[in-house]
Amino acid sequence: MFSSISGYLDGLIENNPDEVSHINSCFDTRNQNLLSEDGTQTFAALGLKGDGKQT
């Protein structure tokens, strides 16, 4: 399960290089603080690339 989710997240960057700049998750950082108390849930934070314009 771990490798399939990690691969999916890596694919988001590879398949969207103009939109996604980076992803922070427990799958790449191994940071246990990104897991729920019981270890069954986590999240991934996607950093998006801008176009240089403010909205």
C-alpha atoms as a PDB file:
ATOM      1  CA  MET A   1       0.000   0.000   0.000  1.00  0.00           C
ATOM      2  CA  PHE A   2       2.772   2.429   0.968  1.00  0.00           C
ATOM      3  CA  SER A   3       4.604   2.150  -2.352  1.00  0.00           C
ATOM      4  CA  SER A   4       1.436   2.541  -4.441  1.00  0.00           C
ATOM      5  CA  ILE A   5       0.424   5.744  -2.634  1.00  0.00           C
ATOM      6  CA  SER A   6       3.967   7.085  -2.724  1.00  0.00           C
ATOM      7  CA  GLY A   7       4.134   6.324  -6.456  1.00  0.00           C
ATOM      8  CA  TYR A   8       0.811   8.054  -7.037  1.00  0.00           C
ATOM      9  CA  LEU A   9       2.026  11.204  -5.272  1.00  0.00           C
ATOM     10  CA  ASP A  10       5.287  11.157  -7.250  1.00  0.00           C
ATOM     11  CA  GLY A  11       3.236  10.828 -10.419  1.00  0.00           C
ATOM     12  CA  LEU A  12       1.306  13.984  -9.580  1.00  0.00           C
ATOM     13  CA  ILE A  13       4.540  15.974  -9.818  1.00  0.00           C
ATOM     14  CA  GLU A  14       5.821  14.116 -12.883  1.00  0.00           C
ATOM     15  CA  ASN A  15       2.524  14.389 -14.763  1.00  0.00           C
ATOM     16  CA  ASN A  16       1.853  18.007 -13.783  1.00  0.00           C
ATOM     17  CA  PRO A  17       5.254  19.746 -13.778  1.00  0.00           C
ATOM     18  CA  ASP A  18       3.767  23.137 -14.667  1.00  0.00           C
ATOM     19  CA  GLU A  19       1.211  23.019 -11.847  1.00  0.00           C
ATOM     20  CA  VAL A  20       2.691  21.081  -8.894  1.00  0.00           C
ATOM     21  CA  SER A  21       5.972  22.246  -7.368  1.00  0.00           C
ATOM     22  CA  HIS A  22       6.235  19.843  -4.418  1.00  0.00           C
ATOM     23  CA  ILE A  23       4.324  17.510  -2.121  1.00  0.00           C
ATOM     24  CA  ASN A  24       4.799  17.077   1.631  1.00  0.00           C
ATOM     25  CA  SER A  25       3.434  13.880   3.146  1.00  0.00           C
ATOM     26  CA  CYS A  26       4.400  11.146   5.564  1.00  0.00           C
ATOM     27  CA  PHE A  27       5.189   9.020   2.507  1.00  0.00           C
ATOM     28  CA  ASP A  28       8.218  11.126   1.590  1.00  0.00           C
ATOM     29  CA  THR A  29       9.196  12.673   4.937  1.00  0.00           C
ATOM     30  CA  ARG A  30       8.384   9.698   7.219  1.00  0.00           C
ATOM     31  CA  ASN A  31       7.176  12.365   9.671  1.00  0.00           C
ATOM     32  CA  GLN A  32       4.890  10.562  12.116  1.00  0.00           C
ATOM     33  CA  ASN A  33       3.253  13.884  13.051  1.00  0.00           C
ATOM     34  CA  LEU A  34       1.460  13.737   9.687  1.00  0.00           C
ATOM     35  CA  LEU A  35      -0.422  10.592  10.752  1.00  0.00           C
ATOM     36  CA  SER A  36      -3.615  10.368  12.780  1.00  0.00           C
ATOM     37  CA  GLU A  37      -3.290   9.058  16.349  1.00  0.00           C
ATOM     38  CA  ASP A  38      -4.333   5.561  15.316  1.00  0.00           C
ATOM     39  CA  GLY A  39      -2.119   5.636  12.198  1.00  0.00           C
ATOM     40  CA  THR A  40      -4.966   4.991   9.763  1.00  0.00           C
ATOM     41  CA  GLN A  41      -5.188   8.453   8.175  1.00  0.00           C
ATOM     42  CA  THR A  42      -2.797  11.013   6.789  1.00  0.00           C
ATOM     43  CA  PHE A  43      -2.782  13.852   4.308  1.00  0.00           C
ATOM     44  CA  ALA A  44      -0.617  15.193   1.534  1.00  0.00           C
ATOM     45  CA  ALA A  45      -0.018  18.915   1.057  1.00  0.00           C
ATOM     46  CA  LEU A  46       0.563  19.931  -2.558  1.00  0.00           C
ATOM     47  CA  GLY A  47       2.554  23.054  -3.327  1.00  0.00           C
ATOM     48  CA  LEU A  48       1.223  24.634  -6.487  1.00  0.00           C
ATOM     49  CA  LYS A  49       3.257  26.676  -8.929  1.00  0.00           C
ATOM     50  CA  GLY A  50       2.054  30.160  -9.659  1.00  0.00           C
ATOM     51  CA  ASP A  51       2.079  32.061 -12.888  1.00  0.00           C
ATOM     52  CA  GLY A  52       3.651  35.174 -11.385  1.00  0.00           C
ATOM     53  CA  LYS A  53       0.339  36.982 -11.111  1.00  0.00           C
ATOM     54  CA  GLN A  54      -1.483  37.741  -7.899  1.00  0.00           C
ATOM     55  CA  THR A  55      -5.147  36.856  -7.652  1.00  0.00           C
END
